[in-house]
């Protein structure tokens, strides 16, 4: 995943400006910062839920917006927070929900959970 010269703002207020990042394939990355610093905006840009005002975002070599954004999102990992979590599910069930819907086998699920 590569971001080059990315800018995203809300109205005249820039939230992210001049962002150049590269995330190595297969690595787990945590985005940490104070409230309102642009963490969620960055993650939404990376999975195609938002489009940058300037710059480019590439995921698995494909420039966003993707031809099939849903298929692309299923190929990357993204842990949701707060309102997107199901309160009646355990942490394990929330983390593996999409993989289970995609038909992952028990061994693949166990391996991914161990990695996470």
N, C-alpha and C. Protein backbone atom coordinates (compact mmCIF):
# COMPACT_ATOMS: atom_id res chain seq x y z
N UNK A 1 0.85 -1.16 0.00
CA UNK A 1 0.00 0.00 0.00
C UNK A 1 0.90 1.23 0.00
N UNK A 2 0.64 2.13 -0.93
CA UNK A 2 1.49 3.32 -1.07
C UNK A 2 0.60 4.55 -1.21
N UNK A 3 0.92 5.58 -0.45
CA UNK A 3 0.26 6.88 -0.57
C UNK A 3 1.32 7.88 -0.99
N UNK A 4 1.01 8.68 -2.01
CA UNK A 4 1.96 9.67 -2.52
C UNK A 4 1.29 11.03 -2.63
N UNK A 5 1.82 12.00 -1.89
CA UNK A 5 1.31 13.36 -1.96
C UNK A 5 -0.16 13.50 -1.62
N UNK A 6 -0.64 12.68 -0.70
CA UNK A 6 -2.07 12.65 -0.39
C UNK A 6 -2.48 13.84 0.46
N UNK A 7 -3.60 14.42 0.05
CA UNK A 7 -4.24 15.49 0.81
C UNK A 7 -5.71 15.16 0.92
N UNK A 8 -6.27 15.37 2.12
CA UNK A 8 -7.71 15.23 2.32
C UNK A 8 -8.12 16.27 3.34
N UNK A 9 -9.17 16.99 3.02
CA UNK A 9 -9.67 18.00 3.93
C UNK A 9 -11.18 17.98 3.97
N UNK A 10 -11.70 18.67 4.92
CA UNK A 10 -13.15 18.85 5.04
C UNK A 10 -13.39 20.34 4.92
N UNK A 11 -13.94 20.74 3.79
CA UNK A 11 -14.08 22.16 3.51
C UNK A 11 -12.69 22.76 3.37
N UNK A 12 -12.46 23.95 3.93
CA UNK A 12 -11.15 24.58 3.79
C UNK A 12 -10.10 24.01 4.75
N UNK A 13 -10.52 23.14 5.67
CA UNK A 13 -9.61 22.63 6.70
C UNK A 13 -8.95 21.33 6.26
N UNK A 14 -7.63 21.34 6.05
CA UNK A 14 -6.94 20.09 5.71
C UNK A 14 -6.83 19.18 6.94
N UNK A 15 -7.12 17.91 6.74
CA UNK A 15 -6.95 16.92 7.80
C UNK A 15 -5.62 16.20 7.60
N UNK A 16 -5.35 15.84 6.35
CA UNK A 16 -4.08 15.23 5.97
C UNK A 16 -3.49 16.04 4.83
N UNK A 17 -2.21 16.31 4.88
CA UNK A 17 -1.59 17.12 3.84
C UNK A 17 -0.18 16.61 3.55
N UNK A 18 0.11 16.35 2.27
CA UNK A 18 1.45 15.92 1.87
C UNK A 18 1.86 14.58 2.44
N UNK A 19 0.93 13.66 2.52
CA UNK A 19 1.22 12.35 3.11
C UNK A 19 1.89 11.44 2.09
N UNK A 20 3.07 10.97 2.43
CA UNK A 20 3.82 9.98 1.64
C UNK A 20 4.13 8.82 2.57
N UNK A 21 3.50 7.68 2.31
CA UNK A 21 3.69 6.50 3.16
C UNK A 21 3.75 5.25 2.30
N UNK A 22 4.47 4.27 2.78
CA UNK A 22 4.47 2.95 2.14
C UNK A 22 4.37 1.91 3.24
N UNK A 23 3.38 1.04 3.13
CA UNK A 23 3.18 -0.04 4.08
C UNK A 23 3.64 -1.34 3.42
N UNK A 24 4.52 -2.06 4.07
CA UNK A 24 5.04 -3.30 3.50
C UNK A 24 3.97 -4.39 3.49
N UNK A 25 3.92 -5.13 2.41
CA UNK A 25 2.97 -6.23 2.28
C UNK A 25 3.24 -7.27 3.36
N UNK A 26 2.18 -7.73 3.99
CA UNK A 26 2.29 -8.77 5.00
C UNK A 26 2.60 -8.27 6.39
N UNK A 27 2.81 -6.98 6.55
CA UNK A 27 3.11 -6.42 7.87
C UNK A 27 1.84 -5.89 8.51
N UNK A 28 1.79 -5.98 9.81
CA UNK A 28 0.68 -5.41 10.56
C UNK A 28 1.13 -4.04 11.04
N UNK A 29 0.30 -3.03 10.79
CA UNK A 29 0.65 -1.66 11.12
C UNK A 29 -0.44 -1.06 11.99
N UNK A 30 -0.06 -0.39 13.05
CA UNK A 30 -1.01 0.32 13.90
C UNK A 30 -0.86 1.82 13.63
N UNK A 31 -1.98 2.50 13.51
CA UNK A 31 -1.98 3.95 13.32
C UNK A 31 -2.43 4.55 14.65
N UNK A 32 -1.54 5.31 15.27
CA UNK A 32 -1.78 5.82 16.61
C UNK A 32 -1.67 7.34 16.60
N UNK A 33 -2.55 8.00 17.34
CA UNK A 33 -2.49 9.45 17.44
C UNK A 33 -3.66 9.98 18.26
N UNK A 34 -3.60 11.25 18.53
CA UNK A 34 -4.66 11.87 19.34
C UNK A 34 -5.96 11.94 18.55
N UNK A 35 -7.03 12.16 19.25
CA UNK A 35 -8.34 12.29 18.63
C UNK A 35 -8.35 13.46 17.65
N UNK A 36 -8.87 13.21 16.45
CA UNK A 36 -8.99 14.27 15.45
C UNK A 36 -7.77 14.50 14.59
N UNK A 37 -6.73 13.67 14.74
CA UNK A 37 -5.50 13.92 13.98
C UNK A 37 -5.53 13.33 12.57
N UNK A 38 -6.57 12.57 12.22
CA UNK A 38 -6.69 12.05 10.86
C UNK A 38 -6.49 10.56 10.70
N UNK A 39 -6.43 9.82 11.81
CA UNK A 39 -6.23 8.36 11.74
C UNK A 39 -7.33 7.68 10.93
N UNK A 40 -8.56 7.93 11.29
CA UNK A 40 -9.68 7.28 10.60
C UNK A 40 -9.77 7.74 9.15
N UNK A 41 -9.49 8.99 8.90
CA UNK A 41 -9.47 9.50 7.52
C UNK A 41 -8.42 8.76 6.71
N UNK A 42 -7.23 8.58 7.28
CA UNK A 42 -6.16 7.85 6.60
C UNK A 42 -6.60 6.42 6.27
N UNK A 43 -7.20 5.73 7.22
CA UNK A 43 -7.63 4.36 6.99
C UNK A 43 -8.74 4.29 5.94
N UNK A 44 -9.64 5.25 5.96
CA UNK A 44 -10.71 5.27 4.95
C UNK A 44 -10.15 5.54 3.55
N UNK A 45 -9.12 6.36 3.46
CA UNK A 45 -8.45 6.58 2.17
C UNK A 45 -7.79 5.29 1.69
N UNK A 46 -7.18 4.56 2.62
CA UNK A 46 -6.45 3.34 2.27
C UNK A 46 -7.35 2.21 1.81
N UNK A 47 -8.60 2.18 2.26
CA UNK A 47 -9.48 1.11 1.79
C UNK A 47 -10.53 1.59 0.80
N UNK A 48 -10.34 2.81 0.30
CA UNK A 48 -11.20 3.30 -0.76
C UNK A 48 -12.56 3.82 -0.34
N UNK A 49 -12.77 3.99 0.95
CA UNK A 49 -14.05 4.56 1.41
C UNK A 49 -14.09 6.07 1.19
N UNK A 50 -12.92 6.68 1.09
CA UNK A 50 -12.80 8.11 0.75
C UNK A 50 -11.81 8.25 -0.40
N UNK A 51 -11.99 9.29 -1.19
CA UNK A 51 -11.03 9.61 -2.25
C UNK A 51 -10.20 10.81 -1.80
N UNK A 52 -8.90 10.81 -2.09
CA UNK A 52 -8.08 11.96 -1.70
C UNK A 52 -8.44 13.18 -2.54
N UNK A 53 -8.26 14.36 -1.97
CA UNK A 53 -8.44 15.60 -2.72
C UNK A 53 -7.27 15.80 -3.68
N UNK A 54 -6.12 15.26 -3.32
CA UNK A 54 -4.92 15.32 -4.17
C UNK A 54 -4.06 14.11 -3.84
N UNK A 55 -3.19 13.75 -4.77
CA UNK A 55 -2.29 12.63 -4.56
C UNK A 55 -2.90 11.31 -4.99
N UNK A 56 -2.14 10.23 -4.78
CA UNK A 56 -2.60 8.91 -5.19
C UNK A 56 -2.46 7.91 -4.05
N UNK A 57 -3.37 6.94 -4.09
CA UNK A 57 -3.34 5.81 -3.16
C UNK A 57 -3.34 4.55 -4.01
N UNK A 58 -2.38 3.67 -3.77
CA UNK A 58 -2.31 2.38 -4.47
C UNK A 58 -2.36 1.26 -3.44
N UNK A 59 -3.21 0.29 -3.71
CA UNK A 59 -3.34 -0.88 -2.85
C UNK A 59 -3.10 -2.11 -3.70
N UNK A 60 -2.13 -2.93 -3.30
CA UNK A 60 -1.76 -4.13 -4.05
C UNK A 60 -1.51 -3.79 -5.51
N UNK A 61 -0.88 -2.63 -5.73
CA UNK A 61 -0.53 -2.19 -7.07
C UNK A 61 -1.64 -1.52 -7.85
N UNK A 62 -2.84 -1.50 -7.30
CA UNK A 62 -3.98 -0.91 -8.01
C UNK A 62 -4.28 0.48 -7.46
N UNK A 63 -4.38 1.45 -8.37
CA UNK A 63 -4.69 2.82 -7.95
C UNK A 63 -6.16 2.91 -7.57
N UNK A 64 -6.40 3.57 -6.44
CA UNK A 64 -7.78 3.80 -6.01
C UNK A 64 -8.30 5.06 -6.67
N UNK A 65 -9.56 5.17 -7.00
CA UNK A 65 -10.59 4.18 -6.72
C UNK A 65 -10.43 2.94 -7.59
N UNK A 66 -10.69 1.79 -6.99
CA UNK A 66 -10.53 0.51 -7.66
C UNK A 66 -11.73 0.20 -8.55
N UNK A 67 -11.49 -0.66 -9.53
CA UNK A 67 -12.59 -1.10 -10.40
C UNK A 67 -13.64 -1.85 -9.58
N UNK A 68 -13.17 -2.70 -8.65
CA UNK A 68 -14.07 -3.46 -7.78
C UNK A 68 -13.61 -3.24 -6.34
N UNK A 69 -14.07 -2.15 -5.71
CA UNK A 69 -13.57 -1.81 -4.38
C UNK A 69 -13.87 -2.86 -3.32
N UNK A 70 -15.01 -3.53 -3.42
CA UNK A 70 -15.35 -4.55 -2.43
C UNK A 70 -14.37 -5.71 -2.51
N UNK A 71 -14.07 -6.18 -3.72
CA UNK A 71 -13.11 -7.28 -3.88
C UNK A 71 -11.73 -6.87 -3.37
N UNK A 72 -11.32 -5.64 -3.64
CA UNK A 72 -10.02 -5.17 -3.18
C UNK A 72 -9.98 -5.12 -1.65
N UNK A 73 -11.04 -4.62 -1.03
CA UNK A 73 -11.09 -4.54 0.44
C UNK A 73 -10.99 -5.92 1.08
N UNK A 74 -11.52 -6.91 0.42
CA UNK A 74 -11.47 -8.27 0.98
C UNK A 74 -10.07 -8.85 0.95
N UNK A 75 -9.18 -8.24 0.18
CA UNK A 75 -7.80 -8.73 0.09
C UNK A 75 -6.87 -8.05 1.08
N UNK A 76 -7.36 -7.02 1.78
CA UNK A 76 -6.53 -6.34 2.78
C UNK A 76 -7.20 -6.51 4.14
N UNK A 77 -6.44 -6.30 5.19
CA UNK A 77 -6.99 -6.38 6.54
C UNK A 77 -7.35 -5.01 7.05
N UNK A 78 -8.45 -4.95 7.76
CA UNK A 78 -8.90 -3.68 8.30
C UNK A 78 -9.73 -3.98 9.54
N UNK A 79 -9.28 -3.56 10.70
CA UNK A 79 -10.02 -3.79 11.93
C UNK A 79 -10.88 -2.57 12.21
N UNK A 80 -12.17 -2.78 12.26
CA UNK A 80 -13.11 -1.68 12.50
C UNK A 80 -13.14 -1.35 13.98
N UNK A 81 -13.79 -0.26 14.31
CA UNK A 81 -13.87 0.17 15.70
C UNK A 81 -15.28 0.63 16.04
N UNK A 82 -15.57 0.74 17.29
CA UNK A 82 -16.78 1.30 17.87
C UNK A 82 -18.06 0.81 17.20
N UNK A 83 -18.78 1.68 16.52
CA UNK A 83 -20.11 1.37 16.00
C UNK A 83 -20.12 0.24 14.97
N UNK A 84 -18.98 -0.05 14.35
CA UNK A 84 -18.93 -1.10 13.34
C UNK A 84 -18.73 -2.49 13.95
N UNK A 85 -18.51 -2.57 15.25
CA UNK A 85 -18.36 -3.86 15.92
C UNK A 85 -19.73 -4.35 16.38
N UNK A 86 -19.91 -5.65 16.34
CA UNK A 86 -21.16 -6.24 16.80
C UNK A 86 -21.03 -6.55 18.29
N UNK A 87 -21.85 -5.91 19.14
CA UNK A 87 -21.71 -6.08 20.58
C UNK A 87 -22.03 -7.49 21.07
N UNK A 88 -22.80 -8.24 20.31
CA UNK A 88 -23.16 -9.60 20.73
C UNK A 88 -22.11 -10.64 20.32
N UNK A 89 -21.07 -10.21 19.59
CA UNK A 89 -19.99 -11.11 19.19
C UNK A 89 -18.76 -10.87 20.06
N UNK A 90 -17.96 -11.92 20.21
CA UNK A 90 -16.70 -11.77 20.93
C UNK A 90 -15.70 -11.02 20.05
N UNK A 91 -14.57 -10.63 20.63
CA UNK A 91 -13.52 -9.98 19.84
C UNK A 91 -13.08 -10.90 18.71
N UNK A 92 -12.89 -12.17 19.02
CA UNK A 92 -12.49 -13.16 18.01
C UNK A 92 -13.52 -13.24 16.88
N UNK A 93 -14.79 -13.27 17.22
CA UNK A 93 -15.85 -13.36 16.20
C UNK A 93 -15.91 -12.09 15.35
N UNK A 94 -15.72 -10.93 15.96
CA UNK A 94 -15.71 -9.68 15.20
C UNK A 94 -14.53 -9.64 14.23
N UNK A 95 -13.35 -10.05 14.70
CA UNK A 95 -12.15 -10.01 13.86
C UNK A 95 -12.25 -10.96 12.67
N UNK A 96 -12.89 -12.10 12.88
CA UNK A 96 -12.93 -13.13 11.83
C UNK A 96 -14.22 -13.12 11.02
N UNK A 97 -15.10 -12.18 11.26
CA UNK A 97 -16.41 -12.19 10.60
C UNK A 97 -16.32 -12.24 9.08
N UNK A 98 -15.60 -11.34 8.48
CA UNK A 98 -15.52 -11.30 7.01
C UNK A 98 -14.86 -12.56 6.48
N UNK A 99 -13.81 -13.01 7.13
CA UNK A 99 -13.13 -14.23 6.68
C UNK A 99 -14.08 -15.43 6.73
N UNK A 100 -14.88 -15.52 7.78
CA UNK A 100 -15.86 -16.62 7.87
C UNK A 100 -16.91 -16.49 6.77
N UNK A 101 -17.36 -15.27 6.49
CA UNK A 101 -18.33 -15.07 5.41
C UNK A 101 -17.74 -15.44 4.06
N UNK A 102 -16.42 -15.27 3.93
CA UNK A 102 -15.72 -15.61 2.69
C UNK A 102 -15.39 -17.09 2.59
N UNK A 103 -15.73 -17.85 3.64
CA UNK A 103 -15.54 -19.29 3.59
C UNK A 103 -14.16 -19.79 3.97
N UNK A 104 -13.40 -19.01 4.73
CA UNK A 104 -12.08 -19.46 5.17
C UNK A 104 -12.24 -20.72 6.01
N UNK A 105 -11.30 -21.62 5.90
CA UNK A 105 -11.29 -22.83 6.70
C UNK A 105 -10.78 -22.55 8.11
N UNK A 106 -11.01 -23.53 9.00
CA UNK A 106 -10.62 -23.38 10.40
C UNK A 106 -9.12 -23.15 10.56
N UNK A 107 -8.31 -23.86 9.78
CA UNK A 107 -6.85 -23.71 9.90
C UNK A 107 -6.40 -22.31 9.50
N UNK A 108 -6.96 -21.78 8.42
CA UNK A 108 -6.60 -20.43 7.96
C UNK A 108 -7.03 -19.39 8.99
N UNK A 109 -8.23 -19.56 9.56
CA UNK A 109 -8.71 -18.63 10.59
C UNK A 109 -7.80 -18.67 11.81
N UNK A 110 -7.44 -19.87 12.25
CA UNK A 110 -6.58 -20.00 13.43
C UNK A 110 -5.22 -19.36 13.19
N UNK A 111 -4.67 -19.56 12.00
CA UNK A 111 -3.37 -18.97 11.67
C UNK A 111 -3.44 -17.45 11.66
N UNK A 112 -4.50 -16.91 11.09
CA UNK A 112 -4.64 -15.45 11.02
C UNK A 112 -4.83 -14.85 12.41
N UNK A 113 -5.64 -15.53 13.24
CA UNK A 113 -5.84 -15.05 14.61
C UNK A 113 -4.53 -15.05 15.38
N UNK A 114 -3.73 -16.07 15.21
CA UNK A 114 -2.43 -16.13 15.88
C UNK A 114 -1.54 -14.98 15.42
N UNK A 115 -1.58 -14.67 14.14
CA UNK A 115 -0.80 -13.55 13.60
C UNK A 115 -1.24 -12.24 14.22
N UNK A 116 -2.57 -12.05 14.31
CA UNK A 116 -3.09 -10.81 14.86
C UNK A 116 -2.87 -10.74 16.36
